[in-house]
Amino acid sequence: MKNFIFFLAFLFFNTVGFSQETKVTYDESLAKSLNADEYGMKKYVFCLLKSGSNTTASKEETKKLFEGHMANINKLAEEGKLVVAGPFMKNDRNYRGIYVFNVETVEEAKKLVETDPAIKANLLEAELTPWYCTAALQETVKIHDKIAKTKM
């Protein structure tokens, strides 16, 4: 009988705990400023960067092209067109990095990819896919600027 009472008390407290309403902290003006839909999500284009077909570029040429690649990343981020970019660590799939473009269509993203010197020179190849994710992802660049001690 004692175990049964403890069991009922356990069920009661768990039911009460799970039935509590969570506080909604919806910020309509923020959602609108980020073009969020009713779920707080929006469309992006995900870009997988792979090793390109150009394997004959000299070290000096490659260095110059990747300097342009980094400058282009910074330019697109400042314009709000690129919300995430970063390299992969060494891997056996020829994956080099990713971009997440703050555009709604692959066609828009193709135009942005064409501004990357390393892609134009075929050192990198871009694979583009529509993607649906939190609209808050756009805030990443602002937050990153606050935590990066040294700029790339």
C-alpha atoms as a PDB file:
ATOM      1  CA  MET A   1       0.000   0.000   0.000  1.00  0.00           C
ATOM      2  CA  LYS A   2       2.835   2.372   0.888  1.00  0.00           C
ATOM      3  CA  ASN A   3       4.491   1.751  -2.527  1.00  0.00           C
ATOM      4  CA  PHE A   4       1.179   2.369  -4.260  1.00  0.00           C
ATOM      5  CA  ILE A   5       0.803   5.776  -2.535  1.00  0.00           C
ATOM      6  CA  PHE A   6       4.369   6.729  -3.527  1.00  0.00           C
ATOM      7  CA  PHE A   7       3.595   5.653  -7.096  1.00  0.00           C
ATOM      8  CA  LEU A   8       0.425   7.809  -7.199  1.00  0.00           C
ATOM      9  CA  ALA A   9       2.333  10.779  -5.745  1.00  0.00           C
ATOM     10  CA  PHE A  10       5.063  10.287  -8.357  1.00  0.00           C
ATOM     11  CA  LEU A  11       2.480  10.242 -11.176  1.00  0.00           C
ATOM     12  CA  PHE A  12       0.726  13.314  -9.787  1.00  0.00           C
ATOM     13  CA  PHE A  13       3.898  15.419  -9.522  1.00  0.00           C
ATOM     14  CA  ASN A  14       5.079  14.364 -12.984  1.00  0.00           C
ATOM     15  CA  THR A  15       1.688  15.203 -14.485  1.00  0.00           C
ATOM     16  CA  VAL A  16       1.689  18.614 -12.809  1.00  0.00           C
ATOM     17  CA  GLY A  17       5.262  19.253 -13.958  1.00  0.00           C
ATOM     18  CA  PHE A  18       4.534  18.387 -17.581  1.00  0.00           C
ATOM     19  CA  SER A  19       1.257  20.285 -17.688  1.00  0.00           C
ATOM     20  CA  GLN A  20       2.884  23.640 -16.896  1.00  0.00           C
ATOM     21  CA  GLU A  21       2.582  26.101 -19.751  1.00  0.00           C
ATOM     22  CA  THR A  22       5.802  27.362 -21.202  1.00  0.00           C
ATOM     23  CA  LYS A  23       6.138  31.110 -21.449  1.00  0.00           C
ATOM     24  CA  VAL A  24       5.941  32.380 -25.007  1.00  0.00           C
ATOM     25  CA  THR A  25       8.600  34.978 -25.728  1.00  0.00           C
ATOM     26  CA  TYR A  26       7.635  35.733 -29.328  1.00  0.00           C
ATOM     27  CA  ASP A  27       9.102  39.011 -30.604  1.00  0.00           C
ATOM     28  CA  GLU A  28       7.082  40.049 -33.638  1.00  0.00           C
ATOM     29  CA  SER A  29       9.354  42.899 -34.700  1.00  0.00           C
ATOM     30  CA  LEU A  30      12.442  40.669 -34.538  1.00  0.00           C
ATOM     31  CA  ALA A  31      10.672  37.928 -36.486  1.00  0.00           C
ATOM     32  CA  LYS A  32       9.681  40.414 -39.187  1.00  0.00           C
ATOM     33  CA  SER A  33      13.192  41.902 -39.358  1.00  0.00           C
ATOM     34  CA  LEU A  34      14.588  38.400 -39.975  1.00  0.00           C
ATOM     35  CA  ASN A  35      11.844  37.477 -42.486  1.00  0.00           C
ATOM     36  CA  ALA A  36      10.823  34.562 -40.285  1.00  0.00           C
ATOM     37  CA  ASP A  37       7.710  32.564 -41.054  1.00  0.00           C
ATOM     38  CA  GLU A  38       5.233  31.543 -38.346  1.00  0.00           C
ATOM     39  CA  TYR A  39       7.638  28.828 -37.158  1.00  0.00           C
ATOM     40  CA  GLY A  40      10.585  31.225 -36.879  1.00  0.00           C
ATOM     41  CA  MET A  41      12.142  29.625 -39.963  1.00  0.00           C
ATOM     42  CA  LYS A  42      13.119  30.803 -43.447  1.00  0.00           C
ATOM     43  CA  LYS A  43      14.643  29.610 -46.695  1.00  0.00           C
ATOM     44  CA  TYR A  44      18.390  29.617 -47.292  1.00  0.00           C
ATOM     45  CA  VAL A  45      20.670  27.897 -49.797  1.00  0.00           C
ATOM     46  CA  PHE A  46      23.213  25.436 -48.416  1.00  0.00           C
ATOM     47  CA  CYS A  47      26.467  25.151 -50.351  1.00  0.00           C
ATOM     48  CA  LEU A  48      28.837  22.225 -50.013  1.00  0.00           C
ATOM     49  CA  LEU A  49      32.316  23.127 -51.220  1.00  0.00           C
ATOM     50  CA  LYS A  50      34.365  20.263 -52.635  1.00  0.00           C
ATOM     51  CA  SER A  51      37.830  20.040 -54.143  1.00  0.00           C
ATOM     52  CA  GLY A  52      37.694  21.264 -57.720  1.00  0.00           C
ATOM     53  CA  SER A  53      39.194  19.888 -60.901  1.00  0.00           C
ATOM     54  CA  ASN A  54      42.137  22.334 -61.002  1.00  0.00           C
ATOM     55  CA  THR A  55      45.094  20.403 -59.612  1.00  0.00           C
ATOM     56  CA  THR A  56      47.801  22.227 -61.566  1.00  0.00           C
ATOM     57  CA  ALA A  57      47.685  25.667 -59.917  1.00  0.00           C
ATOM     58  CA  SER A  58      51.001  26.757 -58.430  1.00  0.00           C
ATOM     59  CA  LYS A  59      51.348  27.394 -54.697  1.00  0.00           C
ATOM     60  CA  GLU A  60      51.572  31.141 -55.336  1.00  0.00           C
ATOM     61  CA  GLU A  61      48.472  31.125 -57.550  1.00  0.00           C
ATOM     62  CA  THR A  62      46.559  28.988 -55.033  1.00  0.00           C
ATOM     63  CA  LYS A  63      47.563  31.309 -52.178  1.00  0.00           C
ATOM     64  CA  LYS A  64      46.374  34.364 -54.122  1.00  0.00           C
ATOM     65  CA  LEU A  65      43.087  32.700 -55.085  1.00  0.00           C
ATOM     66  CA  PHE A  66      42.397  31.672 -51.483  1.00  0.00           C
ATOM     67  CA  GLU A  67      43.141  35.203 -50.270  1.00  0.00           C
ATOM     68  CA  GLY A  68      40.473  36.330 -52.725  1.00  0.00           C
ATOM     69  CA  HIS A  69      38.220  33.534 -51.483  1.00  0.00           C
ATOM     70  CA  MET A  70      38.522  34.827 -47.901  1.00  0.00           C
ATOM     71  CA  ALA A  71      37.992  38.453 -48.968  1.00  0.00           C
ATOM     72  CA  ASN A  72      34.877  37.379 -50.863  1.00  0.00           C
ATOM     73  CA  ILE A  73      33.549  35.522 -47.805  1.00  0.00           C
ATOM     74  CA  ASN A  74      33.980  38.664 -45.689  1.00  0.00           C
ATOM     75  CA  LYS A  75      32.333  40.848 -48.353  1.00  0.00           C
ATOM     76  CA  LEU A  76      29.299  38.544 -48.678  1.00  0.00           C
ATOM     77  CA  ALA A  77      28.972  38.320 -44.882  1.00  0.00           C
ATOM     78  CA  GLU A  78      29.062  42.121 -44.551  1.00  0.00           C
ATOM     79  CA  GLU A  79      26.351  42.367 -47.224  1.00  0.00           C
ATOM     80  CA  GLY A  80      24.186  39.886 -45.272  1.00  0.00           C
ATOM     81  CA  LYS A  81      24.237  37.378 -48.133  1.00  0.00           C
ATOM     82  CA  LEU A  82      26.361  34.804 -46.311  1.00  0.00           C
ATOM     83  CA  VAL A  83      25.353  33.741 -42.806  1.00  0.00           C
ATOM     84  CA  VAL A  84      27.690  30.792 -42.237  1.00  0.00           C
ATOM     85  CA  ALA A  85      30.984  29.774 -43.815  1.00  0.00           C
ATOM     86  CA  GLY A  86      33.700  27.471 -42.671  1.00  0.00           C
ATOM     87  CA  PRO A  87      36.152  24.790 -43.676  1.00  0.00           C
ATOM     88  CA  PHE A  88      35.916  21.095 -42.982  1.00  0.00           C
ATOM     89  CA  MET A  89      38.771  19.383 -41.281  1.00  0.00           C
ATOM     90  CA  LYS A  90      40.805  16.903 -43.328  1.00  0.00           C
ATOM     91  CA  ASN A  91      38.511  14.153 -44.644  1.00  0.00           C
ATOM     92  CA  ASP A  92      38.436  11.433 -47.290  1.00  0.00           C
ATOM     93  CA  ARG A  93      35.429  12.813 -49.218  1.00  0.00           C
ATOM     94  CA  ASN A  94      37.089  15.899 -50.737  1.00  0.00           C
ATOM     95  CA  TYR A  95      34.732  18.104 -48.735  1.00  0.00           C
ATOM     96  CA  ARG A  96      36.403  21.473 -48.228  1.00  0.00           C
ATOM     97  CA  GLY A  97      33.813  23.672 -46.550  1.00  0.00           C
ATOM     98  CA  ILE A  98      30.302  25.062 -46.442  1.00  0.00           C
ATOM     99  CA  TYR A  99      28.447  28.258 -47.127  1.00  0.00           C
ATOM    100  CA  VAL A 100      24.912  29.062 -46.046  1.00  0.00           C
ATOM    101  CA  PHE A 101      23.578  31.804 -48.287  1.00  0.00           C
ATOM    102  CA  ASN A 102      20.873  34.151 -47.066  1.00  0.00           C
ATOM    103  CA  VAL A 103      18.919  33.895 -50.316  1.00  0.00           C
ATOM    104  CA  GLU A 104      15.786  31.975 -51.219  1.00  0.00           C
ATOM    105  CA  THR A 105      16.756  30.397 -54.543  1.00  0.00           C
ATOM    106  CA  VAL A 106      19.591  28.346 -55.959  1.00  0.00           C
ATOM    107  CA  GLU A 107      19.753  30.795 -58.875  1.00  0.00           C
ATOM    108  CA  GLU A 108      20.536  33.673 -56.494  1.00  0.00           C
ATOM    109  CA  ALA A 109      23.175  31.564 -54.769  1.00  0.00           C
ATOM    110  CA  LYS A 110      24.783  30.652 -58.129  1.00  0.00           C
ATOM    111  CA  LYS A 111      25.373  34.347 -58.781  1.00  0.00           C
ATOM    112  CA  LEU A 112      27.071  34.690 -55.390  1.00  0.00           C
ATOM    113  CA  VAL A 113      29.196  31.577 -55.938  1.00  0.00           C
ATOM    114  CA  GLU A 114      30.425  33.071 -59.213  1.00  0.00           C
ATOM    115  CA  THR A 115      32.068  35.897 -57.225  1.00  0.00           C
ATOM    116  CA  ASP A 116      34.451  33.471 -55.480  1.00  0.00           C
ATOM    117  CA  PRO A 117      37.907  33.424 -57.131  1.00  0.00           C
ATOM    118  CA  ALA A 118      38.718  29.905 -55.902  1.00  0.00           C
ATOM    119  CA  ILE A 119      35.508  28.567 -57.439  1.00  0.00           C
ATOM    120  CA  LYS A 120      36.038  30.490 -60.693  1.00  0.00           C
ATOM    121  CA  ALA A 121      39.536  28.957 -60.941  1.00  0.00           C
ATOM    122  CA  ASN A 122      38.107  25.458 -60.264  1.00  0.00           C
ATOM    123  CA  LEU A 123      40.099  25.003 -57.059  1.00  0.00           C
ATOM    124  CA  LEU A 124      36.720  24.515 -55.395  1.00  0.00           C
ATOM    125  CA  GLU A 125      33.428  23.210 -56.700  1.00  0.00           C
ATOM    126  CA  ALA A 126      30.080  24.326 -55.259  1.00  0.00           C
ATOM    127  CA  GLU A 127      27.040  22.085 -54.790  1.00  0.00           C
ATOM    128  CA  LEU A 128      23.898  24.102 -53.976  1.00  0.00           C
ATOM    129  CA  THR A 129      20.744  22.883 -52.225  1.00  0.00           C
ATOM    130  CA  PRO A 130      17.681  24.752 -50.908  1.00  0.00           C
ATOM    131  CA  TRP A 131      17.581  24.627 -47.106  1.00  0.00           C
ATOM    132  CA  TYR A 132      15.026  25.531 -44.418  1.00  0.00           C
ATOM    133  CA  CYS A 133      16.361  26.606 -41.035  1.00  0.00           C
ATOM    134  CA  THR A 134      15.830  29.006 -38.158  1.00  0.00           C
ATOM    135  CA  ALA A 135      15.733  32.658 -39.225  1.00  0.00           C
ATOM    136  CA  ALA A 136      17.925  33.378 -36.190  1.00  0.00           C
ATOM    137  CA  LEU A 137      20.873  31.902 -38.091  1.00  0.00           C
ATOM    138  CA  GLN A 138      21.317  35.350 -39.670  1.00  0.00           C
ATOM    139  CA  GLU A 139      22.413  36.697 -36.302  1.00  0.00           C
ATOM    140  CA  THR A 140      25.487  34.431 -36.295  1.00  0.00           C
ATOM    141  CA  VAL A 141      27.716  36.990 -38.021  1.00  0.00           C
ATOM    142  CA  LYS A 142      26.903  39.683 -35.449  1.00  0.00           C
ATOM    143  CA  ILE A 143      27.605  37.321 -32.581  1.00  0.00           C
ATOM    144  CA  HIS A 144      30.808  36.057 -34.183  1.00  0.00           C
ATOM    145  CA  ASP A 145      32.153  39.600 -34.451  1.00  0.00           C
ATOM    146  CA  LYS A 146      31.740  39.909 -30.676  1.00  0.00           C
ATOM    147  CA  ILE A 147      33.711  36.753 -29.895  1.00  0.00           C
ATOM    148  CA  ALA A 148      36.481  36.841 -32.535  1.00  0.00           C
ATOM    149  CA  LYS A 149      39.614  38.339 -31.079  1.00  0.00           C
ATOM    150  CA  THR A 150      41.384  38.296 -34.459  1.00  0.00           C
ATOM    151  CA  LYS A 151      39.784  38.813 -37.877  1.00  0.00           C
ATOM    152  CA  MET A 152      40.472  36.366 -40.675  1.00  0.00           C
END
